[in-house]
């Protein structure tokens, strides 16, 4: 299967999950709006989500996959299974200890880390503590799921791991439907959602375990021991955990600052959900597929092929995210109005969330490029360099968020996150080039300039078209009319962008076709256009 087809497999599954996520967020907006219970739920949910990104997805995608691939290369599936069981025993034990400690310390954690702006003793604070206690075991489920995902990805079984997150959205949608159907108040709905999160974690873990067994691997529990392999994993995992969770770290910092303003946490979350669609479909797909592919090429001594895979992935990212960023910038109001402005979510909330989304759109290419650049370090078992860059980016985010929030509120936090993301992207990109792991030639630069021009032309056309579509996207319009108008605008944007990109040489349909047919191990030109 070609590299692009693998991207499409993971991206397609992720797209399905994101659409269910949209349905979930739309129902949540209708049920909770941006009121105190929405703030409480999102604050409580962000904490296990942060740990999931830090100690599960980030650490295992960066540290576990290259080591697992090395075991397969050296000793076959039996050696890889033994390594997995060693890791599983240690991981399960550590997670159990962390979960118990966090549950006992949750009141302190909420008032110092999760939401220091919530007044102790208020209903919002008390509810946040209780919801966080219910949801924190989700971390344990998802960390074990991340290990199983890493095994499947290394065995080139990408679909099951990519489709598993759908269960979280389905469980939360069921909880929301039940709350809306029974006329539950926001507090009861928040409780339903919290238990839905825990159930979803168990379901995802069960699905991934079945997938691993179907792939010909079975792992059991072994007494935790600090073997050389486990020690090597921990050495790689700690900096990788920090690096992989940069977005979540920045968002947690933003949440801490935003907790001083009612509704700010929920507004940031609603905007985050929209831009997570292209970030997830493109960025996560590239990151998930690229790491095992690079690890395999480097283990086989195929240095040029590894550089080729890295370059093609970066061009693929830019080819798809530049138009997405431009469309989000122009259509932020229209998108938020159609997706969220129902029930408890009013026009004033639309204006706030749309402003945040437009800023996030400017950072989208940078955030997605991070997903494509990090594997260039991780596949070489270098997790410390990206970690250093993460510290720089987080420091910038903290300084900017604190400086801008008093003047621009939620928009200031979004701006800080975007600037932080672009700084991290620039440092990663420059270092890979300096070390000779990427070869950026004049043809690549020329294609990127042409793609930027195509995205700019598309944005201009979209701005003009949105003025004429405005009467069909207003409070007086029906939902179906609004959806049809937004879909028409998106259709126009796609036709203009791809038409211009192909016409001016930023992309080549023939080259994309050839790359989809060609195996990843075969040398090939970039997907975004001819040399």
Protein backbone atom coordinates (compact mmCIF):
# COMPACT_ATOMS: atom_id res chain seq x y z
CA UNK A 1 0.00 0.00 0.00
CA UNK A 2 1.39 3.43 -0.93
CA UNK A 3 2.15 6.12 1.62
CA UNK A 4 -0.70 8.31 0.35
CA UNK A 5 -3.17 5.42 0.57
CA UNK A 6 -2.12 4.84 4.17
CA UNK A 7 -2.67 8.54 4.88
CA UNK A 8 -6.12 8.21 3.32
CA UNK A 9 -6.95 5.09 5.36
CA UNK A 10 -6.13 6.75 8.68
CA UNK A 11 -7.47 10.11 7.55
CA UNK A 12 -10.77 8.59 6.41
CA UNK A 13 -11.30 6.85 9.74
CA UNK A 14 -10.33 10.02 11.59
CA UNK A 15 -12.71 12.04 9.41
CA UNK A 16 -15.57 9.77 10.47
CA UNK A 17 -14.62 10.26 14.09
CA UNK A 18 -14.44 14.05 13.65
CA UNK A 19 -17.91 14.16 12.09
CA UNK A 20 -19.28 12.29 15.07
CA UNK A 21 -17.36 14.81 17.17
CA UNK A 22 -19.17 17.63 15.36
CA UNK A 23 -22.50 16.01 16.15
CA UNK A 24 -21.43 15.68 19.77
CA UNK A 25 -20.35 19.31 20.08
CA UNK A 26 -23.53 20.54 18.37
CA UNK A 27 -25.64 18.64 20.89
CA UNK A 28 -23.47 19.91 23.75
CA UNK A 29 -23.86 23.48 22.57
CA UNK A 30 -27.62 23.02 22.50
CA UNK A 31 -27.71 21.32 25.91
CA UNK A 32 -25.11 23.33 27.83
CA UNK A 33 -24.31 26.48 25.81
CA UNK A 34 -21.31 28.25 27.33
CA UNK A 35 -22.73 28.28 30.85
CA UNK A 36 -21.13 27.19 34.14
CA UNK A 37 -21.84 23.47 33.62
CA UNK A 38 -20.17 23.59 30.20
CA UNK A 39 -17.13 25.22 31.81
CA UNK A 40 -17.13 22.60 34.56
CA UNK A 41 -17.36 19.64 32.20
CA UNK A 42 -14.73 20.87 29.74
CA UNK A 43 -12.35 21.80 32.55
CA UNK A 44 -12.72 18.35 34.13
CA UNK A 45 -12.42 16.56 30.78
CA UNK A 46 -9.34 18.51 29.68
CA UNK A 47 -7.24 17.06 32.52
CA UNK A 48 -7.40 13.34 31.62
CA UNK A 49 -7.17 14.42 27.99
CA UNK A 50 -3.92 16.24 28.72
CA UNK A 51 -2.43 13.19 30.43
CA UNK A 52 -3.64 11.01 27.57
CA UNK A 53 -1.72 13.16 25.09
CA UNK A 54 1.36 13.44 27.30
CA UNK A 55 1.77 9.90 28.60
CA UNK A 56 -0.17 7.90 26.04
CA UNK A 57 -0.28 9.15 22.45
CA UNK A 58 2.82 11.34 22.54
CA UNK A 59 5.06 8.98 24.47
CA UNK A 60 4.08 5.80 22.68
CA UNK A 61 3.94 7.12 19.14
CA UNK A 62 7.42 8.53 19.67
CA UNK A 63 9.14 5.93 21.86
CA UNK A 64 7.26 2.64 21.65
CA UNK A 65 6.86 2.38 17.86
CA UNK A 66 10.59 2.60 16.90
CA UNK A 67 11.55 0.10 19.64
CA UNK A 68 8.71 -2.25 18.72
CA UNK A 69 9.75 -2.01 15.05
CA UNK A 70 13.35 -2.82 16.05
CA UNK A 71 12.20 -5.92 17.95
CA UNK A 72 10.22 -7.14 14.94
CA UNK A 73 13.21 -6.53 12.68
CA UNK A 74 15.64 -8.35 15.01
CA UNK A 75 13.59 -11.23 16.43
CA UNK A 76 10.23 -11.35 14.69
CA UNK A 77 6.79 -11.27 16.30
CA UNK A 78 7.82 -13.39 19.29
CA UNK A 79 10.47 -10.88 20.36
CA UNK A 80 8.02 -8.00 19.78
CA UNK A 81 5.40 -9.79 21.89
CA UNK A 82 7.85 -10.29 24.78
CA UNK A 83 8.80 -6.61 24.62
CA UNK A 84 5.12 -5.62 24.62
CA UNK A 85 4.40 -7.74 27.69
CA UNK A 86 7.33 -6.19 29.55
CA UNK A 87 6.01 -2.72 28.75
CA UNK A 88 2.40 -3.64 29.53
CA UNK A 89 3.27 -4.84 33.05
CA UNK A 90 5.13 -1.63 33.92
CA UNK A 91 2.62 0.65 32.21
CA UNK A 92 -0.41 -0.88 33.93
CA UNK A 93 1.22 -0.64 37.37
CA UNK A 94 2.35 2.97 36.92
CA UNK A 95 -1.04 4.05 35.58
CA UNK A 96 -2.84 2.43 38.48
CA UNK A 97 -0.67 4.31 41.00
CA UNK A 98 -1.11 7.62 39.12
CA UNK A 99 -4.88 7.17 38.91
CA UNK A 100 -5.27 6.47 42.64
CA UNK A 101 -3.04 9.41 43.58
CA UNK A 102 -4.86 11.82 41.25
CA UNK A 103 -8.29 10.74 42.47
CA UNK A 104 -7.31 11.44 46.08
CA UNK A 105 -5.74 14.80 45.21
CA UNK A 106 -8.45 16.00 42.78
CA UNK A 107 -9.78 18.93 44.90
CA UNK A 108 -6.25 20.34 45.16
CA UNK A 109 -5.58 19.74 41.46
CA UNK A 110 -8.78 21.53 40.39
CA UNK A 111 -8.10 24.66 42.41
CA UNK A 112 -4.39 24.85 41.47
CA UNK A 113 -4.09 23.42 37.94
CA UNK A 114 -7.37 22.61 36.17
CA UNK A 115 -9.33 25.77 36.98
CA UNK A 116 -7.66 28.08 39.51
CA UNK A 117 -10.15 30.79 38.53
CA UNK A 118 -13.11 28.79 39.89
CA UNK A 119 -14.01 30.01 43.37
CA UNK A 120 -13.61 27.25 45.96
CA UNK A 121 -16.95 26.29 47.51
CA UNK A 122 -19.06 27.34 44.52
CA UNK A 123 -21.21 24.83 42.66
CA UNK A 124 -19.03 25.11 39.55
CA UNK A 125 -15.91 24.19 41.52
CA UNK A 126 -17.57 21.29 43.36
CA UNK A 127 -19.06 19.88 40.16
CA UNK A 128 -15.70 20.13 38.37
CA UNK A 129 -14.03 18.09 41.12
CA UNK A 130 -16.69 15.37 41.02
CA UNK A 131 -16.74 15.14 37.23
CA UNK A 132 -12.93 14.93 37.12
CA UNK A 133 -13.00 12.07 39.62
CA UNK A 134 -15.40 10.13 37.41
CA UNK A 135 -13.46 10.77 34.19
CA UNK A 136 -9.83 10.45 35.29
CA UNK A 137 -9.75 6.61 34.96
CA UNK A 138 -10.28 7.30 31.25
CA UNK A 139 -6.54 8.09 31.23
CA UNK A 140 -5.69 4.53 32.23
CA UNK A 141 -7.92 3.06 29.52
CA UNK A 142 -6.55 5.38 26.84
CA UNK A 143 -2.90 4.89 27.77
CA UNK A 144 -3.26 1.13 27.37
CA UNK A 145 -5.20 1.77 24.16
CA UNK A 146 -2.31 3.92 22.89
CA UNK A 147 0.11 1.04 23.41
CA UNK A 148 -2.19 -1.30 21.48
CA UNK A 149 -2.49 1.34 18.75
CA UNK A 150 1.30 1.57 18.49
CA UNK A 151 1.49 -2.20 18.03
CA UNK A 152 -1.14 -2.16 15.29
CA UNK A 153 0.47 0.76 13.47
CA UNK A 154 3.86 -0.96 13.54
CA UNK A 155 2.23 -4.07 12.08
CA UNK A 156 0.72 -1.83 9.33
CA UNK A 157 -2.85 -2.28 10.62
CA UNK A 158 -3.88 1.38 10.74
CA UNK A 159 -7.68 1.33 10.47
CA UNK A 160 -8.68 -0.17 13.83
CA UNK A 161 -6.57 2.32 15.80
CA UNK A 162 -7.92 5.23 13.76
CA UNK A 163 -11.57 4.22 14.09
CA UNK A 164 -11.49 3.53 17.87
CA UNK A 165 -12.03 7.21 18.90
CA UNK A 166 -15.48 7.05 17.31
CA UNK A 167 -16.63 5.16 20.39
CA UNK A 168 -15.95 8.19 22.60
CA UNK A 169 -18.13 10.38 20.42
CA UNK A 170 -20.86 7.74 20.18
CA UNK A 171 -20.98 7.26 23.95
CA UNK A 172 -21.21 11.00 24.56
CA UNK A 173 -23.85 11.44 21.84
CA UNK A 174 -25.97 8.73 23.48
CA UNK A 175 -25.59 10.52 26.83
CA UNK A 176 -26.60 13.85 25.30
CA UNK A 177 -29.59 12.37 23.47
CA UNK A 178 -30.75 10.82 26.72
CA UNK A 179 -30.35 14.13 28.54
CA UNK A 180 -32.23 16.09 25.86
CA UNK A 181 -34.92 13.43 25.56
CA UNK A 182 -35.60 13.36 29.30
CA UNK A 183 -35.36 17.15 29.63
CA UNK A 184 -32.44 16.88 32.03
CA UNK A 185 -30.93 20.08 33.39
CA UNK A 186 -27.29 21.00 32.52
CA UNK A 187 -25.95 19.47 35.75
CA UNK A 188 -27.55 16.08 35.09
CA UNK A 189 -26.40 16.19 31.47
CA UNK A 190 -22.82 16.83 32.59
CA UNK A 191 -23.02 13.73 34.81
CA UNK A 192 -24.33 11.62 31.92
CA UNK A 193 -21.44 12.84 29.76
CA UNK A 194 -18.84 12.03 32.39
CA UNK A 195 -19.98 8.43 32.77
CA UNK A 196 -20.16 8.20 28.98
CA UNK A 197 -16.48 9.13 28.78
CA UNK A 198 -15.51 6.33 31.16
CA UNK A 199 -17.60 3.75 29.27
CA UNK A 200 -16.05 4.90 26.00
CA UNK A 201 -12.53 4.34 27.35
CA UNK A 202 -13.36 0.74 28.21
CA UNK A 203 -14.92 0.16 24.78
CA UNK A 204 -11.92 1.60 22.93
CA UNK A 205 -9.50 -0.57 24.88
CA UNK A 206 -11.56 -3.68 24.14
CA UNK A 207 -11.73 -2.90 20.41
CA UNK A 208 -7.97 -2.33 20.12
CA UNK A 209 -7.16 -5.50 22.08
CA UNK A 210 -9.35 -7.47 19.67
CA UNK A 211 -7.53 -5.78 16.77
CA UNK A 212 -4.12 -6.79 18.14
CA UNK A 213 -5.23 -10.40 18.51
CA UNK A 214 -6.62 -10.33 14.97
CA UNK A 215 -3.21 -9.09 13.76
CA UNK A 216 -1.59 -12.22 15.18
CA UNK A 217 -0.32 -10.83 18.50
CA UNK A 218 -1.49 -11.64 22.00
CA UNK A 219 -0.10 -10.10 25.16
CA UNK A 220 -0.60 -11.05 28.77
CA UNK A 221 0.19 -9.40 32.09
CA UNK A 222 3.68 -9.95 33.46
CA UNK A 223 5.13 -8.83 36.77
CA UNK A 224 6.54 -5.31 36.22
CA UNK A 225 10.33 -5.38 35.83
CA UNK A 226 12.76 -2.68 34.74
CA UNK A 227 14.34 -4.56 31.85
CA UNK A 228 16.83 -2.82 29.50
CA UNK A 229 14.07 -2.43 26.90
CA UNK A 230 11.71 -0.82 29.40
CA UNK A 231 14.45 1.53 30.61
CA UNK A 232 15.18 2.57 27.02
CA UNK A 233 11.47 3.17 26.45
CA UNK A 234 11.21 5.40 29.53
CA UNK A 235 14.30 7.38 28.52
CA UNK A 236 12.72 8.08 25.13
CA UNK A 237 9.16 8.46 26.40
CA UNK A 238 9.59 11.29 28.89
CA UNK A 239 10.76 13.97 26.43
CA UNK A 240 8.44 12.54 23.77
CA UNK A 241 5.49 12.89 26.12
CA UNK A 242 6.22 16.57 26.59
CA UNK A 243 6.72 17.10 22.86
CA UNK A 244 3.67 15.15 21.75
CA UNK A 245 1.43 17.06 24.10
CA UNK A 246 2.48 20.60 23.14
CA UNK A 247 -0.99 21.49 21.89
CA UNK A 248 -2.61 20.11 25.02
CA UNK A 249 -0.05 21.85 27.24
CA UNK A 250 -0.77 25.17 25.55
CA UNK A 251 -4.51 24.58 25.82
CA UNK A 252 -4.24 23.73 29.51
CA UNK A 253 -2.32 26.97 30.09
CA UNK A 254 -5.03 28.80 28.17
CA UNK A 255 -7.71 27.07 30.22
CA UNK A 256 -6.06 28.09 33.49
CA UNK A 257 -6.05 31.72 32.39
CA UNK A 258 -9.52 31.54 30.81
CA UNK A 259 -11.04 30.10 34.00
CA UNK A 260 -11.13 33.65 35.37
CA UNK A 261 -13.84 34.58 32.84
CA UNK A 262 -17.24 32.86 32.69
CA UNK A 263 -17.83 30.98 29.44
CA UNK A 264 -14.26 31.39 28.17
CA UNK A 265 -13.26 27.73 28.58
CA UNK A 266 -16.30 26.50 26.68
CA UNK A 267 -15.79 29.09 23.90
CA UNK A 268 -12.20 27.95 23.37
CA UNK A 269 -13.33 24.31 23.34
CA UNK A 270 -16.05 24.91 20.74
CA UNK A 271 -13.57 26.65 18.41
CA UNK A 272 -10.97 23.95 19.04
CA UNK A 273 -13.41 21.26 17.91
CA UNK A 274 -13.79 22.87 14.48
CA UNK A 275 -10.13 23.29 13.66
CA UNK A 276 -9.40 19.83 15.04
CA UNK A 277 -11.20 18.42 11.99
CA UNK A 278 -8.48 19.26 9.41
CA UNK A 279 -5.79 18.92 12.08
CA UNK A 280 -6.98 15.41 12.87
CA UNK A 281 -7.74 14.22 9.37
CA UNK A 282 -4.42 15.41 7.89
CA UNK A 283 -2.05 15.90 10.83
CA UNK A 284 -2.86 12.81 12.85
CA UNK A 285 -3.04 10.65 9.71
CA UNK A 286 0.41 11.79 8.61
CA UNK A 287 1.90 11.47 12.10
CA UNK A 288 0.49 7.99 12.69
CA UNK A 289 1.60 6.59 9.33
CA UNK A 290 4.89 8.48 9.00
CA UNK A 291 6.58 7.28 12.21
CA UNK A 292 6.50 3.51 11.49
CA UNK A 293 7.33 4.15 7.81
CA UNK A 294 10.38 6.26 8.69
CA UNK A 295 11.44 3.79 11.37
CA UNK A 296 11.24 0.93 8.88
CA UNK A 297 13.25 2.81 6.23
CA UNK A 298 15.96 3.88 8.69
CA UNK A 299 16.25 0.38 10.19
CA UNK A 300 16.78 -0.93 6.66
CA UNK A 301 19.51 1.64 5.97
CA UNK A 302 17.38 3.42 3.35
CA UNK A 303 18.48 6.95 4.25
CA UNK A 304 17.45 8.54 0.95
CA UNK A 305 14.08 6.82 1.05
CA UNK A 306 13.50 8.11 4.60
CA UNK A 307 14.23 11.68 3.45
CA UNK A 308 11.93 11.17 0.47
CA UNK A 309 9.09 9.93 2.70
CA UNK A 310 9.56 12.93 5.00
CA UNK A 311 9.49 15.42 2.10
CA UNK A 312 6.47 13.87 0.43
CA UNK A 313 4.58 13.93 3.72
CA UNK A 314 5.34 17.63 4.26
CA UNK A 315 4.15 18.53 0.78
CA UNK A 316 0.99 16.47 1.30
CA UNK A 317 0.34 18.41 4.51
CA UNK A 318 0.74 21.82 2.88
CA UNK A 319 -1.29 20.81 -0.17
CA UNK A 320 -4.33 20.13 2.03
CA UNK A 321 -3.98 22.49 5.00
CA UNK A 322 -3.30 25.79 3.23
CA UNK A 323 -6.81 25.92 1.68
CA UNK A 324 -8.35 24.68 4.95
CA UNK A 325 -6.66 27.52 6.86
CA UNK A 326 -7.84 30.13 4.34
CA UNK A 327 -11.41 28.78 4.40
CA UNK A 328 -11.55 28.79 8.21
CA UNK A 329 -10.33 32.39 8.28
CA UNK A 330 -12.99 33.58 5.82
CA UNK A 331 -15.94 31.41 6.89
CA UNK A 332 -15.48 31.28 10.66
CA UNK A 333 -18.76 33.12 11.39
CA UNK A 334 -20.77 31.02 8.93
CA UNK A 335 -19.34 27.74 10.22
CA UNK A 336 -20.00 28.52 13.88
CA UNK A 337 -23.51 29.78 13.17
CA UNK A 338 -24.49 26.59 11.32
CA UNK A 339 -22.79 24.13 13.65
CA UNK A 340 -23.55 25.63 17.07
CA UNK A 341 -26.17 28.39 17.05
CA UNK A 342 -29.05 26.32 18.38
CA UNK A 343 -30.77 25.99 21.74
CA UNK A 344 -28.72 27.61 24.51
CA UNK A 345 -26.06 28.83 22.05
CA UNK A 346 -26.94 32.40 20.97
CA UNK A 347 -25.65 35.00 18.46
CA UNK A 348 -23.32 36.62 20.97
CA UNK A 349 -21.63 33.26 21.59
CA UNK A 350 -21.31 32.78 17.82
CA UNK A 351 -19.37 36.03 17.47
CA UNK A 352 -16.97 35.09 20.29
CA UNK A 353 -16.29 31.55 19.11
CA UNK A 354 -15.97 32.60 15.45
CA UNK A 355 -13.27 35.13 16.36
CA UNK A 356 -11.30 32.42 18.16
CA UNK A 357 -11.73 30.00 15.24
CA UNK A 358 -10.44 32.53 12.70
CA UNK A 359 -7.23 32.90 14.71
CA UNK A 360 -6.85 29.12 15.03
CA UNK A 361 -7.15 28.93 11.25
CA UNK A 362 -3.96 30.95 10.89
CA UNK A 363 -2.12 28.40 13.02
CA UNK A 364 -3.51 25.31 11.31
CA UNK A 365 -0.65 24.72 8.81
CA UNK A 366 1.90 25.11 11.59
CA UNK A 367 0.12 22.70 13.94
CA UNK A 368 -0.21 20.09 11.18
CA UNK A 369 3.41 20.51 10.08
CA UNK A 370 4.50 19.69 13.64
CA UNK A 371 2.80 16.30 13.20
CA UNK A 372 4.79 15.73 9.99
CA UNK A 373 8.13 17.01 11.34
CA UNK A 374 8.29 15.31 14.76
CA UNK A 375 8.57 11.77 13.31
CA UNK A 376 11.81 12.86 11.60
CA UNK A 377 13.32 13.03 15.10
CA UNK A 378 11.36 10.25 16.81
CA UNK A 379 12.20 7.64 14.16
CA UNK A 380 15.89 8.31 14.90
CA UNK A 381 15.20 7.82 18.64
CA UNK A 382 15.86 11.52 19.24
CA UNK A 383 13.11 12.77 21.53
CA UNK A 384 15.16 15.36 23.42
CA UNK A 385 15.55 17.89 20.59
CA UNK A 386 11.80 18.32 20.01
CA UNK A 387 11.32 18.52 23.78
CA UNK A 388 13.72 21.47 24.01
CA UNK A 389 11.80 23.25 21.28
CA UNK A 390 8.56 22.49 23.13
CA UNK A 391 9.85 24.24 26.24
CA UNK A 392 10.62 27.33 24.16
CA UNK A 393 7.16 27.27 22.56
CA UNK A 394 5.39 26.78 25.89
CA UNK A 395 7.32 29.67 27.47
CA UNK A 396 6.26 31.94 24.61
CA UNK A 397 2.67 30.76 24.94
CA UNK A 398 2.61 31.50 28.68
CA UNK A 399 4.06 34.97 28.26
CA UNK A 400 1.76 35.92 25.38
CA UNK A 401 -1.40 34.45 26.93
CA UNK A 402 -0.87 36.34 30.19
CA UNK A 403 -0.07 39.55 28.30
CA UNK A 404 -2.92 39.40 25.77
CA UNK A 405 -5.80 38.01 27.85
CA UNK A 406 -6.53 41.26 29.73
CA UNK A 407 -6.96 43.07 26.38
CA UNK A 408 -8.38 40.46 23.99
CA UNK A 409 -9.84 37.79 26.33
CA UNK A 410 -10.24 34.42 24.57
CA UNK A 411 -8.78 35.76 21.33
CA UNK A 412 -5.57 36.58 23.17
CA UNK A 413 -5.25 32.98 24.35
CA UNK A 414 -5.84 31.67 20.82
CA UNK A 415 -3.23 34.09 19.44
CA UNK A 416 -0.68 32.88 21.98
CA UNK A 417 -1.29 29.24 21.01
CA UNK A 418 -0.90 30.02 17.30
CA UNK A 419 2.36 31.95 17.75
CA UNK A 420 3.68 29.16 19.96
CA UNK A 421 2.82 26.55 17.34
CA UNK A 422 4.58 28.41 14.54
CA UNK A 423 7.71 28.88 16.66
CA UNK A 424 7.85 25.13 17.31
CA UNK A 425 7.31 24.40 13.59
CA UNK A 426 10.11 26.76 12.56
CA UNK A 427 12.60 25.25 15.01
CA UNK A 428 11.79 21.66 13.98
CA UNK A 429 11.95 22.46 10.27
CA UNK A 430 15.23 24.37 10.46
CA UNK A 431 16.89 21.64 12.55
CA UNK A 432 15.92 18.82 10.18
CA UNK A 433 17.35 20.77 7.24
CA UNK A 434 20.55 21.65 9.14
CA UNK A 435 21.11 18.00 10.01
CA UNK A 436 20.56 16.86 6.44
CA UNK A 437 17.39 14.86 7.21
CA UNK A 438 15.35 16.95 4.77
CA UNK A 439 16.33 18.23 1.33
CA UNK A 440 14.27 21.28 0.44
CA UNK A 441 15.08 22.28 -3.14
CA UNK A 442 13.93 25.14 -5.39
CA UNK A 443 11.14 23.02 -6.86
CA UNK A 444 9.63 22.49 -3.40
CA UNK A 445 9.78 26.20 -2.59
CA UNK A 446 8.24 27.03 -5.96
CA UNK A 447 5.34 24.63 -5.37
CA UNK A 448 4.66 26.02 -1.90
CA UNK A 449 4.56 29.59 -3.26
CA UNK A 450 2.10 28.48 -5.93
CA UNK A 451 -0.08 26.72 -3.38
CA UNK A 452 -0.07 29.87 -1.23
CA UNK A 453 -1.17 31.87 -4.28
CA UNK A 454 -3.97 29.37 -4.99
CA UNK A 455 -5.14 29.57 -1.36
CA UNK A 456 -5.10 33.40 -1.47
CA UNK A 457 -7.15 33.46 -4.68
CA UNK A 458 -9.60 30.99 -3.16
CA UNK A 459 -9.93 33.18 -0.04
CA UNK A 460 -10.72 36.23 -2.19
CA UNK A 461 -13.41 34.38 -4.15
CA UNK A 462 -14.83 32.94 -0.93
CA UNK A 463 -15.03 36.39 0.69
CA UNK A 464 -17.00 37.67 -2.29
CA UNK A 465 -19.28 34.62 -2.40
CA UNK A 466 -19.98 34.73 1.35
CA UNK A 467 -21.46 38.23 1.01
CA UNK A 468 -24.03 36.91 -1.47
CA UNK A 469 -24.70 33.84 0.68
CA UNK A 470 -25.28 35.90 3.84
CA UNK A 471 -29.12 36.09 3.48
CA UNK A 472 -29.21 32.29 3.50
CA UNK A 473 -27.08 32.03 6.68
CA UNK A 474 -28.93 34.14 9.20
CA UNK A 475 -31.17 33.73 12.24
CA UNK A 476 -34.22 33.93 9.94
CA UNK A 477 -33.01 31.05 7.76
CA UNK A 478 -33.87 27.43 8.35
CA UNK A 479 -31.18 24.95 9.38
CA UNK A 480 -31.26 23.05 6.10
CA UNK A 481 -30.97 26.31 4.14
CA UNK A 482 -27.96 27.35 6.24
CA UNK A 483 -26.26 23.97 5.78
CA UNK A 484 -26.86 24.07 2.03
CA UNK A 485 -25.39 27.57 1.79
CA UNK A 486 -22.23 26.67 3.75
CA UNK A 487 -21.75 23.47 1.75
CA UNK A 488 -22.11 25.50 -1.46
CA UNK A 489 -19.42 27.92 -0.26
CA UNK A 490 -17.12 25.02 0.60
CA UNK A 491 -17.77 23.51 -2.82
CA UNK A 492 -16.86 26.78 -4.53
CA UNK A 493 -13.69 27.00 -2.45
CA UNK A 494 -12.61 23.49 -3.44
CA UNK A 495 -13.22 24.07 -7.13
CA UNK A 496 -11.30 27.36 -7.11
CA UNK A 497 -8.36 26.13 -5.04
CA UNK A 498 -7.75 22.85 -6.80
CA UNK A 499 -8.42 24.40 -10.20
CA UNK A 500 -5.91 27.20 -9.63
CA UNK A 501 -3.37 24.91 -7.93
CA UNK A 502 -3.34 22.50 -10.88
CA UNK A 503 -3.39 25.33 -13.43
CA UNK A 504 -0.35 27.18 -12.08
CA UNK A 505 1.72 24.09 -11.30
CA UNK A 506 1.29 23.87 -7.55
CA UNK A 507 -0.14 20.36 -7.91
CA UNK A 508 -0.22 17.60 -10.51
CA UNK A 509 -3.07 15.09 -10.74
CA UNK A 510 -0.86 12.65 -12.62
CA UNK A 511 1.79 12.75 -9.91
CA UNK A 512 -0.77 12.21 -7.17
CA UNK A 513 -2.17 9.24 -9.11
CA UNK A 514 1.26 7.67 -9.53
CA UNK A 515 2.07 8.09 -5.84
CA UNK A 516 -1.19 6.42 -4.85
CA UNK A 517 -0.31 3.40 -6.99
CA UNK A 518 3.32 3.19 -5.91
CA UNK A 519 4.50 1.42 -2.78
CA UNK A 520 6.04 3.46 -0.04
CA UNK A 521 9.39 1.78 -0.44
CA UNK A 522 9.76 2.77 -4.04
CA UNK A 523 11.40 6.10 -4.78
CA UNK A 524 8.95 8.66 -6.03
CA UNK A 525 8.47 12.35 -6.50
CA UNK A 526 6.40 14.46 -4.11
CA UNK A 527 2.63 14.24 -4.19
CA UNK A 528 1.93 17.91 -4.46
CA UNK A 529 3.33 18.52 -7.90
CA UNK A 530 5.99 17.86 -10.50
CA UNK A 531 9.62 18.75 -10.01
